[in-house]
């Protein structure tokens, strides 16, 4: 996240920001599982 957002949520990626008790990444995973998508790959570094 840009610095302006880091000042609010600290040093973390977008996926680890918490919204309504759940990390954003986990919210999306739950939505995908409801749609029957099981093959989910997570990238945490560009390489």
ModelCIF file with pLDDT and N, C-alpha, C, O atoms, coordinates in Angstrom:
data_MODEL
#
_entry.id   MODEL 
#
_entity.id                         1 
_entity.type                       polymer 
_entity.pdbx_number_of_molecules   1 
#
_entity_poly.entity_id                      1 
_entity_poly.type                           'polypeptide(L)' 
_entity_poly.nstd_linkage                   no 
_entity_poly.nstd_monomer                   no 
_entity_poly.pdbx_seq_one_letter_code       
;(UNK)(UNK)(UNK)(UNK)(UNK)(UNK)(UNK)(UNK)(UNK)(UNK)(UNK)(UNK)(UNK)(UNK)(UNK)(UNK)
(UNK)(UNK)(UNK)(UNK)(UNK)(UNK)(UNK)(UNK)(UNK)(UNK)(UNK)(UNK)(UNK)(UNK)(UNK)(UNK)
(UNK)(UNK)(UNK)(UNK)(UNK)(UNK)(UNK)(UNK)(UNK)(UNK)(UNK)(UNK)(UNK)(UNK)(UNK)
;
_entity_poly.pdbx_seq_one_letter_code_can   XXXXXXXXXXXXXXXXXXXXXXXXXXXXXXXXXXXXXXXXXXXXXXX 
_entity_poly.pdbx_strand_id                 A 
#
loop_
_entity_poly_seq.entity_id 
_entity_poly_seq.num 
_entity_poly_seq.mon_id 
_entity_poly_seq.hetero 
1 1  UNK n 
1 2  UNK n 
1 3  UNK n 
1 4  UNK n 
1 5  UNK n 
1 6  UNK n 
1 7  UNK n 
1 8  UNK n 
1 9  UNK n 
1 10 UNK n 
1 11 UNK n 
1 12 UNK n 
1 13 UNK n 
1 14 UNK n 
1 15 UNK n 
1 16 UNK n 
1 17 UNK n 
1 18 UNK n 
1 19 UNK n 
1 20 UNK n 
1 21 UNK n 
1 22 UNK n 
1 23 UNK n 
1 24 UNK n 
1 25 UNK n 
1 26 UNK n 
1 27 UNK n 
1 28 UNK n 
1 29 UNK n 
1 30 UNK n 
1 31 UNK n 
1 32 UNK n 
1 33 UNK n 
1 34 UNK n 
1 35 UNK n 
1 36 UNK n 
1 37 UNK n 
1 38 UNK n 
1 39 UNK n 
1 40 UNK n 
1 41 UNK n 
1 42 UNK n 
1 43 UNK n 
1 44 UNK n 
1 45 UNK n 
1 46 UNK n 
1 47 UNK n 
#
_struct_asym.id          A 
_struct_asym.entity_id   1 
#
loop_
_ma_qa_metric.id 
_ma_qa_metric.mode 
_ma_qa_metric.name 
_ma_qa_metric.software_group_id 
_ma_qa_metric.type 
1 global pLDDT . pLDDT 
2 local  pLDDT . pLDDT 
#
_ma_qa_metric_global.metric_id      1 
_ma_qa_metric_global.metric_value   93.06 
_ma_qa_metric_global.model_id       1 
_ma_qa_metric_global.ordinal_id     1 
#
loop_
_ma_qa_metric_local.label_asym_id 
_ma_qa_metric_local.label_comp_id 
_ma_qa_metric_local.label_seq_id 
_ma_qa_metric_local.metric_id 
_ma_qa_metric_local.metric_value 
_ma_qa_metric_local.model_id 
_ma_qa_metric_local.ordinal_id 
A UNK 1  2 94.00 1 1  
A UNK 2  2 94.00 1 2  
A UNK 3  2 92.00 1 3  
A UNK 4  2 91.00 1 4  
A UNK 5  2 94.00 1 5  
A UNK 6  2 93.00 1 6  
A UNK 7  2 92.00 1 7  
A UNK 8  2 94.00 1 8  
A UNK 9  2 93.00 1 9  
A UNK 10 2 92.00 1 10 
A UNK 11 2 91.00 1 11 
A UNK 12 2 93.00 1 12 
A UNK 13 2 95.00 1 13 
A UNK 14 2 97.00 1 14 
A UNK 15 2 96.00 1 15 
A UNK 16 2 95.00 1 16 
A UNK 17 2 95.00 1 17 
A UNK 18 2 93.00 1 18 
A UNK 19 2 91.00 1 19 
A UNK 20 2 85.00 1 20 
A UNK 21 2 86.00 1 21 
A UNK 22 2 91.00 1 22 
A UNK 23 2 94.00 1 23 
A UNK 24 2 96.00 1 24 
A UNK 25 2 96.00 1 25 
A UNK 26 2 96.00 1 26 
A UNK 27 2 95.00 1 27 
A UNK 28 2 95.00 1 28 
A UNK 29 2 95.00 1 29 
A UNK 30 2 94.00 1 30 
A UNK 31 2 94.00 1 31 
A UNK 32 2 94.00 1 32 
A UNK 33 2 93.00 1 33 
A UNK 34 2 92.00 1 34 
A UNK 35 2 91.00 1 35 
A UNK 36 2 91.00 1 36 
A UNK 37 2 91.00 1 37 
A UNK 38 2 88.00 1 38 
A UNK 39 2 91.00 1 39 
A UNK 40 2 94.00 1 40 
A UNK 41 2 95.00 1 41 
A UNK 42 2 96.00 1 42 
A UNK 43 2 95.00 1 43 
A UNK 44 2 95.00 1 44 
A UNK 45 2 94.00 1 45 
A UNK 46 2 91.00 1 46 
A UNK 47 2 91.00 1 47 
#
loop_
_atom_site.group_PDB 
_atom_site.id 
_atom_site.type_symbol 
_atom_site.label_atom_id 
_atom_site.label_alt_id 
_atom_site.label_comp_id 
_atom_site.label_asym_id 
_atom_site.label_entity_id 
_atom_site.label_seq_id 
_atom_site.pdbx_PDB_ins_code 
_atom_site.Cartn_x 
_atom_site.Cartn_y 
_atom_site.Cartn_z 
_atom_site.occupancy 
_atom_site.B_iso_or_equiv 
_atom_site.pdbx_formal_charge 
_atom_site.auth_seq_id 
_atom_site.auth_comp_id 
_atom_site.auth_asym_id 
_atom_site.auth_atom_id 
_atom_site.pdbx_PDB_model_num 
ATOM 1   N N  . UNK A 1 1  ? 0.839   -1.201  0.000  1.00 94.00 ? 1  UNK A N  1 
ATOM 2   C CA . UNK A 1 1  ? 0.000   0.000   0.000  1.00 94.00 ? 1  UNK A CA 1 
ATOM 3   C C  . UNK A 1 1  ? 0.873   1.250   0.000  1.00 94.00 ? 1  UNK A C  1 
ATOM 4   O O  . UNK A 1 1  ? 2.002   1.215   0.489  1.00 94.00 ? 1  UNK A O  1 
ATOM 5   N N  . UNK A 1 2  ? 0.361   2.359   -0.545 1.00 94.00 ? 2  UNK A N  1 
ATOM 6   C CA . UNK A 1 2  ? 1.116   3.617   -0.496 1.00 94.00 ? 2  UNK A CA 1 
ATOM 7   C C  . UNK A 1 2  ? 1.249   4.103   0.946  1.00 94.00 ? 2  UNK A C  1 
ATOM 8   O O  . UNK A 1 2  ? 0.547   3.635   1.842  1.00 94.00 ? 2  UNK A O  1 
ATOM 9   N N  . UNK A 1 3  ? 2.159   5.045   1.150  1.00 92.00 ? 3  UNK A N  1 
ATOM 10  C CA . UNK A 1 3  ? 2.454   5.532   2.498  1.00 92.00 ? 3  UNK A CA 1 
ATOM 11  C C  . UNK A 1 3  ? 1.205   6.078   3.189  1.00 92.00 ? 3  UNK A C  1 
ATOM 12  O O  . UNK A 1 3  ? 1.027   5.890   4.392  1.00 92.00 ? 3  UNK A O  1 
ATOM 13  N N  . UNK A 1 4  ? 0.345   6.750   2.435  1.00 91.00 ? 4  UNK A N  1 
ATOM 14  C CA . UNK A 1 4  ? -0.858  7.349   3.025  1.00 91.00 ? 4  UNK A CA 1 
ATOM 15  C C  . UNK A 1 4  ? -1.757  6.295   3.659  1.00 91.00 ? 4  UNK A C  1 
ATOM 16  O O  . UNK A 1 4  ? -2.441  6.574   4.644  1.00 91.00 ? 4  UNK A O  1 
ATOM 17  N N  . UNK A 1 5  ? -1.759  5.095   3.106  1.00 94.00 ? 5  UNK A N  1 
ATOM 18  C CA . UNK A 1 5  ? -2.561  4.004   3.669  1.00 94.00 ? 5  UNK A CA 1 
ATOM 19  C C  . UNK A 1 5  ? -1.784  3.288   4.767  1.00 94.00 ? 5  UNK A C  1 
ATOM 20  O O  . UNK A 1 5  ? -2.370  2.842   5.754  1.00 94.00 ? 5  UNK A O  1 
ATOM 21  N N  . UNK A 1 6  ? -0.471  3.176   4.602  1.00 93.00 ? 6  UNK A N  1 
ATOM 22  C CA . UNK A 1 6  ? 0.362   2.554   5.642  1.00 93.00 ? 6  UNK A CA 1 
ATOM 23  C C  . UNK A 1 6  ? 0.236   3.289   6.976  1.00 93.00 ? 6  UNK A C  1 
ATOM 24  O O  . UNK A 1 6  ? 0.318   2.664   8.034  1.00 93.00 ? 6  UNK A O  1 
ATOM 25  N N  . UNK A 1 7  ? 0.037   4.611   6.937  1.00 92.00 ? 7  UNK A N  1 
ATOM 26  C CA . UNK A 1 7  ? -0.095  5.348   8.193  1.00 92.00 ? 7  UNK A CA 1 
ATOM 27  C C  . UNK A 1 7  ? -1.345  4.928   8.968  1.00 92.00 ? 7  UNK A C  1 
ATOM 28  O O  . UNK A 1 7  ? -1.436  5.153   10.175 1.00 92.00 ? 7  UNK A O  1 
ATOM 29  N N  . UNK A 1 8  ? -2.304  4.318   8.273  1.00 94.00 ? 8  UNK A N  1 
ATOM 30  C CA . UNK A 1 8  ? -3.552  3.881   8.911  1.00 94.00 ? 8  UNK A CA 1 
ATOM 31  C C  . UNK A 1 8  ? -3.468  2.426   9.346  1.00 94.00 ? 8  UNK A C  1 
ATOM 32  O O  . UNK A 1 8  ? -3.906  2.081   10.443 1.00 94.00 ? 8  UNK A O  1 
ATOM 33  N N  . UNK A 1 9  ? -2.903  1.560   8.485  1.00 93.00 ? 9  UNK A N  1 
ATOM 34  C CA . UNK A 1 9  ? -2.940  0.117   8.763  1.00 93.00 ? 9  UNK A CA 1 
ATOM 35  C C  . UNK A 1 9  ? -1.581  -0.474  9.106  1.00 93.00 ? 9  UNK A C  1 
ATOM 36  O O  . UNK A 1 9  ? -1.486  -1.669  9.388  1.00 93.00 ? 9  UNK A O  1 
ATOM 37  N N  . UNK A 1 10 ? -0.527  0.339   9.087  1.00 92.00 ? 10 UNK A N  1 
ATOM 38  C CA . UNK A 1 10 ? 0.795   -0.170  9.422  1.00 92.00 ? 10 UNK A CA 1 
ATOM 39  C C  . UNK A 1 10 ? 1.449   -0.889  8.259  1.00 92.00 ? 10 UNK A C  1 
ATOM 40  O O  . UNK A 1 10 ? 0.980   -0.823  7.123  1.00 92.00 ? 10 UNK A O  1 
ATOM 41  N N  . UNK A 1 11 ? 2.539   -1.577  8.559  1.00 91.00 ? 11 UNK A N  1 
ATOM 42  C CA . UNK A 1 11 ? 3.354   -2.240  7.547  1.00 91.00 ? 11 UNK A CA 1 
ATOM 43  C C  . UNK A 1 11 ? 2.768   -3.614  7.217  1.00 91.00 ? 11 UNK A C  1 
ATOM 44  O O  . UNK A 1 11 ? 3.187   -4.625  7.781  1.00 91.00 ? 11 UNK A O  1 
ATOM 45  N N  . UNK A 1 12 ? 1.809   -3.644  6.312  1.00 93.00 ? 12 UNK A N  1 
ATOM 46  C CA . UNK A 1 12 ? 1.184   -4.904  5.915  1.00 93.00 ? 12 UNK A CA 1 
ATOM 47  C C  . UNK A 1 12 ? 0.679   -4.782  4.481  1.00 93.00 ? 12 UNK A C  1 
ATOM 48  O O  . UNK A 1 12 ? 0.492   -3.679  3.967  1.00 93.00 ? 12 UNK A O  1 
ATOM 49  N N  . UNK A 1 13 ? 0.466   -5.911  3.855  1.00 95.00 ? 13 UNK A N  1 
ATOM 50  C CA . UNK A 1 13 ? -0.056  -5.921  2.493  1.00 95.00 ? 13 UNK A CA 1 
ATOM 51  C C  . UNK A 1 13 ? -1.555  -5.653  2.513  1.00 95.00 ? 13 UNK A C  1 
ATOM 52  O O  . UNK A 1 13 ? -2.179  -5.672  3.574  1.00 95.00 ? 13 UNK A O  1 
ATOM 53  N N  . UNK A 1 14 ? -2.135  -5.402  1.328  1.00 97.00 ? 14 UNK A N  1 
ATOM 54  C CA . UNK A 1 14 ? -3.581  -5.192  1.250  1.00 97.00 ? 14 UNK A CA 1 
ATOM 55  C C  . UNK A 1 14 ? -4.341  -6.407  1.774  1.00 97.00 ? 14 UNK A C  1 
ATOM 56  O O  . UNK A 1 14 ? -5.346  -6.264  2.470  1.00 97.00 ? 14 UNK A O  1 
ATOM 57  N N  . UNK A 1 15 ? -3.861  -7.591  1.440  1.00 96.00 ? 15 UNK A N  1 
ATOM 58  C CA . UNK A 1 15 ? -4.564  -8.810  1.817  1.00 96.00 ? 15 UNK A CA 1 
ATOM 59  C C  . UNK A 1 15 ? -4.667  -9.020  3.316  1.00 96.00 ? 15 UNK A C  1 
ATOM 60  O O  . UNK A 1 15 ? -5.555  -9.733  3.784  1.00 96.00 ? 15 UNK A O  1 
ATOM 61  N N  . UNK A 1 16 ? -3.763  -8.404  4.076  1.00 95.00 ? 16 UNK A N  1 
ATOM 62  C CA . UNK A 1 16 ? -3.752  -8.594  5.529  1.00 95.00 ? 16 UNK A CA 1 
ATOM 63  C C  . UNK A 1 16 ? -4.394  -7.434  6.283  1.00 95.00 ? 16 UNK A C  1 
ATOM 64  O O  . UNK A 1 16 ? -4.305  -7.362  7.509  1.00 95.00 ? 16 UNK A O  1 
ATOM 65  N N  . UNK A 1 17 ? -5.039  -6.530  5.554  1.00 95.00 ? 17 UNK A N  1 
ATOM 66  C CA . UNK A 1 17 ? -5.831  -5.481  6.196  1.00 95.00 ? 17 UNK A CA 1 
ATOM 67  C C  . UNK A 1 17 ? -7.137  -6.101  6.686  1.00 95.00 ? 17 UNK A C  1 
ATOM 68  O O  . UNK A 1 17 ? -7.741  -6.924  5.999  1.00 95.00 ? 17 UNK A O  1 
ATOM 69  N N  . UNK A 1 18 ? -7.562  -5.699  7.876  1.00 93.00 ? 18 UNK A N  1 
ATOM 70  C CA . UNK A 1 18 ? -8.757  -6.285  8.496  1.00 93.00 ? 18 UNK A CA 1 
ATOM 71  C C  . UNK A 1 18 ? -9.959  -5.393  8.250  1.00 93.00 ? 18 UNK A C  1 
ATOM 72  O O  . UNK A 1 18 ? -9.914  -4.186  8.489  1.00 93.00 ? 18 UNK A O  1 
ATOM 73  N N  . UNK A 1 19 ? -11.033 -6.001  7.771  1.00 91.00 ? 19 UNK A N  1 
ATOM 74  C CA . UNK A 1 19 ? -12.294 -5.293  7.559  1.00 91.00 ? 19 UNK A CA 1 
ATOM 75  C C  . UNK A 1 19 ? -13.418 -6.129  8.134  1.00 91.00 ? 19 UNK A C  1 
ATOM 76  O O  . UNK A 1 19 ? -13.624 -7.275  7.735  1.00 91.00 ? 19 UNK A O  1 
ATOM 77  N N  . UNK A 1 20 ? -14.153 -5.539  9.085  1.00 85.00 ? 20 UNK A N  1 
ATOM 78  C CA . UNK A 1 20 ? -15.253 -6.249  9.737  1.00 85.00 ? 20 UNK A CA 1 
ATOM 79  C C  . UNK A 1 20 ? -14.818 -7.621  10.235 1.00 85.00 ? 20 UNK A C  1 
ATOM 80  O O  . UNK A 1 20 ? -15.445 -8.640  9.946  1.00 85.00 ? 20 UNK A O  1 
ATOM 81  N N  . UNK A 1 21 ? -13.718 -7.615  10.998 1.00 86.00 ? 21 UNK A N  1 
ATOM 82  C CA . UNK A 1 21 ? -13.205 -8.777  11.729 1.00 86.00 ? 21 UNK A CA 1 
ATOM 83  C C  . UNK A 1 21 ? -12.462 -9.802  10.870 1.00 86.00 ? 21 UNK A C  1 
ATOM 84  O O  . UNK A 1 21 ? -11.985 -10.805 11.401 1.00 86.00 ? 21 UNK A O  1 
ATOM 85  N N  . UNK A 1 22 ? -12.351 -9.580  9.577  1.00 91.00 ? 22 UNK A N  1 
ATOM 86  C CA . UNK A 1 22 ? -11.736 -10.579 8.704  1.00 91.00 ? 22 UNK A CA 1 
ATOM 87  C C  . UNK A 1 22 ? -10.704 -9.921  7.800  1.00 91.00 ? 22 UNK A C  1 
ATOM 88  O O  . UNK A 1 22 ? -10.923 -8.818  7.300  1.00 91.00 ? 22 UNK A O  1 
ATOM 89  N N  . UNK A 1 23 ? -9.568  -10.606 7.589  1.00 94.00 ? 23 UNK A N  1 
ATOM 90  C CA . UNK A 1 23 ? -8.584  -10.112 6.629  1.00 94.00 ? 23 UNK A CA 1 
ATOM 91  C C  . UNK A 1 23 ? -9.192  -10.129 5.233  1.00 94.00 ? 23 UNK A C  1 
ATOM 92  O O  . UNK A 1 23 ? -9.991  -11.007 4.906  1.00 94.00 ? 23 UNK A O  1 
ATOM 93  N N  . UNK A 1 24 ? -8.807  -9.145  4.408  1.00 96.00 ? 24 UNK A N  1 
ATOM 94  C CA . UNK A 1 24 ? -9.372  -9.052  3.068  1.00 96.00 ? 24 UNK A CA 1 
ATOM 95  C C  . UNK A 1 24 ? -9.096  -10.313 2.256  1.00 96.00 ? 24 UNK A C  1 
ATOM 96  O O  . UNK A 1 24 ? -9.954  -10.751 1.490  1.00 96.00 ? 24 UNK A O  1 
ATOM 97  N N  . UNK A 1 25 ? -7.917  -10.901 2.410  1.00 96.00 ? 25 UNK A N  1 
ATOM 98  C CA . UNK A 1 25 ? -7.592  -12.122 1.672  1.00 96.00 ? 25 UNK A CA 1 
ATOM 99  C C  . UNK A 1 25 ? -8.517  -13.262 2.058  1.00 96.00 ? 25 UNK A C  1 
ATOM 100 O O  . UNK A 1 25 ? -8.932  -14.047 1.205  1.00 96.00 ? 25 UNK A O  1 
ATOM 101 N N  . UNK A 1 26 ? -8.840  -13.354 3.336  1.00 96.00 ? 26 UNK A N  1 
ATOM 102 C CA . UNK A 1 26 ? -9.700  -14.439 3.804  1.00 96.00 ? 26 UNK A CA 1 
ATOM 103 C C  . UNK A 1 26 ? -11.144 -14.243 3.358  1.00 96.00 ? 26 UNK A C  1 
ATOM 104 O O  . UNK A 1 26 ? -11.856 -15.211 3.093  1.00 96.00 ? 26 UNK A O  1 
ATOM 105 N N  . UNK A 1 27 ? -11.574 -12.979 3.276  1.00 95.00 ? 27 UNK A N  1 
ATOM 106 C CA . UNK A 1 27 ? -12.916 -12.703 2.756  1.00 95.00 ? 27 UNK A CA 1 
ATOM 107 C C  . UNK A 1 27 ? -13.047 -13.189 1.319  1.00 95.00 ? 27 UNK A C  1 
ATOM 108 O O  . UNK A 1 27 ? -14.038 -13.818 0.949  1.00 95.00 ? 27 UNK A O  1 
ATOM 109 N N  . UNK A 1 28 ? -12.027 -12.887 0.513  1.00 95.00 ? 28 UNK A N  1 
ATOM 110 C CA . UNK A 1 28 ? -12.076 -13.290 -0.891 1.00 95.00 ? 28 UNK A CA 1 
ATOM 111 C C  . UNK A 1 28 ? -12.020 -14.807 -1.025 1.00 95.00 ? 28 UNK A C  1 
ATOM 112 O O  . UNK A 1 28 ? -12.729 -15.385 -1.849 1.00 95.00 ? 28 UNK A O  1 
ATOM 113 N N  . UNK A 1 29 ? -11.187 -15.449 -0.225 1.00 95.00 ? 29 UNK A N  1 
ATOM 114 C CA . UNK A 1 29 ? -11.104 -16.912 -0.264 1.00 95.00 ? 29 UNK A CA 1 
ATOM 115 C C  . UNK A 1 29 ? -12.452 -17.559 0.048  1.00 95.00 ? 29 UNK A C  1 
ATOM 116 O O  . UNK A 1 29 ? -12.844 -18.530 -0.600 1.00 95.00 ? 29 UNK A O  1 
ATOM 117 N N  . UNK A 1 30 ? -13.158 -17.021 1.038  1.00 94.00 ? 30 UNK A N  1 
ATOM 118 C CA . UNK A 1 30 ? -14.480 -17.545 1.383  1.00 94.00 ? 30 UNK A CA 1 
ATOM 119 C C  . UNK A 1 30 ? -15.449 -17.391 0.213  1.00 94.00 ? 30 UNK A C  1 
ATOM 120 O O  . UNK A 1 30 ? -16.231 -18.294 -0.085 1.00 94.00 ? 30 UNK A O  1 
ATOM 121 N N  . UNK A 1 31 ? -15.383 -16.227 -0.447 1.00 94.00 ? 31 UNK A N  1 
ATOM 122 C CA . UNK A 1 31 ? -16.246 -15.984 -1.600 1.00 94.00 ? 31 UNK A CA 1 
ATOM 123 C C  . UNK A 1 31 ? -15.930 -16.964 -2.732 1.00 94.00 ? 31 UNK A C  1 
ATOM 124 O O  . UNK A 1 31 ? -16.841 -17.496 -3.368 1.00 94.00 ? 31 UNK A O  1 
ATOM 125 N N  . UNK A 1 32 ? -14.655 -17.199 -2.979 1.00 94.00 ? 32 UNK A N  1 
ATOM 126 C CA . UNK A 1 32 ? -14.255 -18.114 -4.056 1.00 94.00 ? 32 UNK A CA 1 
ATOM 127 C C  . UNK A 1 32 ? -14.688 -19.546 -3.757 1.00 94.00 ? 32 UNK A C  1 
ATOM 128 O O  . UNK A 1 32 ? -15.118 -20.273 -4.654 1.00 94.00 ? 32 UNK A O  1 
ATOM 129 N N  . UNK A 1 33 ? -14.574 -19.941 -2.504 1.00 93.00 ? 33 UNK A N  1 
ATOM 130 C CA . UNK A 1 33 ? -14.982 -21.306 -2.147 1.00 93.00 ? 33 UNK A CA 1 
ATOM 131 C C  . UNK A 1 33 ? -16.482 -21.494 -2.336 1.00 93.00 ? 33 UNK A C  1 
ATOM 132 O O  . UNK A 1 33 ? -16.939 -22.567 -2.730 1.00 93.00 ? 33 UNK A O  1 
ATOM 133 N N  . UNK A 1 34 ? -17.248 -20.430 -2.049 1.00 92.00 ? 34 UNK A N  1 
ATOM 134 C CA . UNK A 1 34 ? -18.687 -20.501 -2.291 1.00 92.00 ? 34 UNK A CA 1 
ATOM 135 C C  . UNK A 1 34 ? -18.991 -20.719 -3.772 1.00 92.00 ? 34 UNK A C  1 
ATOM 136 O O  . UNK A 1 34 ? -19.987 -21.347 -4.130 1.00 92.00 ? 34 UNK A O  1 
ATOM 137 N N  . UNK A 1 35 ? -18.123 -20.195 -4.614 1.00 91.00 ? 35 UNK A N  1 
ATOM 138 C CA . UNK A 1 35 ? -18.302 -20.336 -6.063 1.00 91.00 ? 35 UNK A CA 1 
ATOM 139 C C  . UNK A 1 35 ? -17.665 -21.614 -6.603 1.00 91.00 ? 35 UNK A C  1 
ATOM 140 O O  . UNK A 1 35 ? -17.669 -21.849 -7.811 1.00 91.00 ? 35 UNK A O  1 
ATOM 141 N N  . UNK A 1 36 ? -17.120 -22.434 -5.712 1.00 91.00 ? 36 UNK A N  1 
ATOM 142 C CA . UNK A 1 36 ? -16.556 -23.714 -6.128 1.00 91.00 ? 36 UNK A CA 1 
ATOM 143 C C  . UNK A 1 36 ? -15.146 -23.631 -6.674 1.00 91.00 ? 36 UNK A C  1 
ATOM 144 O O  . UNK A 1 36 ? -14.679 -24.573 -7.314 1.00 91.00 ? 36 UNK A O  1 
ATOM 145 N N  . UNK A 1 37 ? -14.451 -22.514 -6.433 1.00 91.00 ? 37 UNK A N  1 
ATOM 146 C CA . UNK A 1 37 ? -13.064 -22.360 -6.905 1.00 91.00 ? 37 UNK A CA 1 
ATOM 147 C C  . UNK A 1 37 ? -12.122 -22.777 -5.789 1.00 91.00 ? 37 UNK A C  1 
ATOM 148 O O  . UNK A 1 37 ? -12.025 -22.099 -4.766 1.00 91.00 ? 37 UNK A O  1 
ATOM 149 N N  . UNK A 1 38 ? -11.432 -23.885 -5.984 1.00 88.00 ? 38 UNK A N  1 
ATOM 150 C CA . UNK A 1 38 ? -10.559 -24.444 -4.951 1.00 88.00 ? 38 UNK A CA 1 
ATOM 151 C C  . UNK A 1 38 ? -9.075  -24.181 -5.216 1.00 88.00 ? 38 UNK A C  1 
ATOM 152 O O  . UNK A 1 38 ? -8.272  -24.141 -4.284 1.00 88.00 ? 38 UNK A O  1 
ATOM 153 N N  . UNK A 1 39 ? -8.717  -24.004 -6.486 1.00 91.00 ? 39 UNK A N  1 
ATOM 154 C CA . UNK A 1 39 ? -7.304  -23.812 -6.851 1.00 91.00 ? 39 UNK A CA 1 
ATOM 155 C C  . UNK A 1 39 ? -6.943  -22.335 -6.713 1.00 91.00 ? 39 UNK A C  1 
ATOM 156 O O  . UNK A 1 39 ? -7.061  -21.562 -7.664 1.00 91.00 ? 39 UNK A O  1 
ATOM 157 N N  . UNK A 1 40 ? -6.500  -21.954 -5.506 1.00 94.00 ? 40 UNK A N  1 
ATOM 158 C CA . UNK A 1 40 ? -6.159  -20.565 -5.215 1.00 94.00 ? 40 UNK A CA 1 
ATOM 159 C C  . UNK A 1 40 ? -4.671  -20.485 -4.893 1.00 94.00 ? 40 UNK A C  1 
ATOM 160 O O  . UNK A 1 40 ? -4.188  -21.155 -3.980 1.00 94.00 ? 40 UNK A O  1 
ATOM 161 N N  . UNK A 1 41 ? -3.956  -19.668 -5.642 1.00 95.00 ? 41 UNK A N  1 
ATOM 162 C CA . UNK A 1 41 ? -2.509  -19.506 -5.464 1.00 95.00 ? 41 UNK A CA 1 
ATOM 163 C C  . UNK A 1 41 ? -2.244  -18.080 -4.988 1.00 95.00 ? 41 UNK A C  1 
ATOM 164 O O  . UNK A 1 41 ? -2.774  -17.121 -5.548 1.00 95.00 ? 41 UNK A O  1 
ATOM 165 N N  . UNK A 1 42 ? -1.429  -17.951 -3.963 1.00 96.00 ? 42 UNK A N  1 
ATOM 166 C CA . UNK A 1 42 ? -1.167  -16.628 -3.402 1.00 96.00 ? 42 UNK A CA 1 
ATOM 167 C C  . UNK A 1 42 ? 0.266   -16.199 -3.669 1.00 96.00 ? 42 UNK A C  1 
ATOM 168 O O  . UNK A 1 42 ? 1.210   -16.951 -3.423 1.00 96.00 ? 42 UNK A O  1 
ATOM 169 N N  . UNK A 1 43 ? 0.418   -14.982 -4.176 1.00 95.00 ? 43 UNK A N  1 
ATOM 170 C CA . UNK A 1 43 ? 1.732   -14.400 -4.465 1.00 95.00 ? 43 UNK A CA 1 
ATOM 171 C C  . UNK A 1 43 ? 2.002   -13.302 -3.450 1.00 95.00 ? 43 UNK A C  1 
ATOM 172 O O  . UNK A 1 43 ? 1.207   -12.373 -3.307 1.00 95.00 ? 43 UNK A O  1 
ATOM 173 N N  . UNK A 1 44 ? 3.117   -13.405 -2.749 1.00 95.00 ? 44 UNK A N  1 
ATOM 174 C CA . UNK A 1 44 ? 3.457   -12.396 -1.747 1.00 95.00 ? 44 UNK A CA 1 
ATOM 175 C C  . UNK A 1 44 ? 4.709   -11.603 -2.126 1.00 95.00 ? 44 UNK A C  1 
ATOM 176 O O  . UNK A 1 44 ? 5.070   -10.644 -1.444 1.00 95.00 ? 44 UNK A O  1 
ATOM 177 N N  . UNK A 1 45 ? 5.371   -12.005 -3.217 1.00 94.00 ? 45 UNK A N  1 
ATOM 178 C CA . UNK A 1 45 ? 6.562   -11.291 -3.691 1.00 94.00 ? 45 UNK A CA 1 
ATOM 179 C C  . UNK A 1 45 ? 6.593   -11.363 -5.212 1.00 94.00 ? 45 UNK A C  1 
ATOM 180 O O  . UNK A 1 45 ? 6.289   -12.419 -5.768 1.00 94.00 ? 45 UNK A O  1 
ATOM 181 N N  . UNK A 1 46 ? 6.951   -10.273 -5.915 1.00 91.00 ? 46 UNK A N  1 
ATOM 182 C CA . UNK A 1 46 ? 6.916   -10.255 -7.375 1.00 91.00 ? 46 UNK A CA 1 
ATOM 183 C C  . UNK A 1 46 ? 7.659   -11.415 -8.044 1.00 91.00 ? 46 UNK A C  1 
ATOM 184 O O  . UNK A 1 46 ? 7.216   -11.902 -9.085 1.00 91.00 ? 46 UNK A O  1 
ATOM 185 N N  . UNK A 1 47 ? 8.778   -11.868 -7.470 1.00 91.00 ? 47 UNK A N  1 
ATOM 186 C CA . UNK A 1 47 ? 9.544   -12.936 -8.122 1.00 91.00 ? 47 UNK A CA 1 
ATOM 187 C C  . UNK A 1 47 ? 8.762   -14.251 -8.179 1.00 91.00 ? 47 UNK A C  1 
ATOM 188 O O  . UNK A 1 47 ? 9.267   -15.247 -8.696 1.00 91.00 ? 47 UNK A O  1 
#
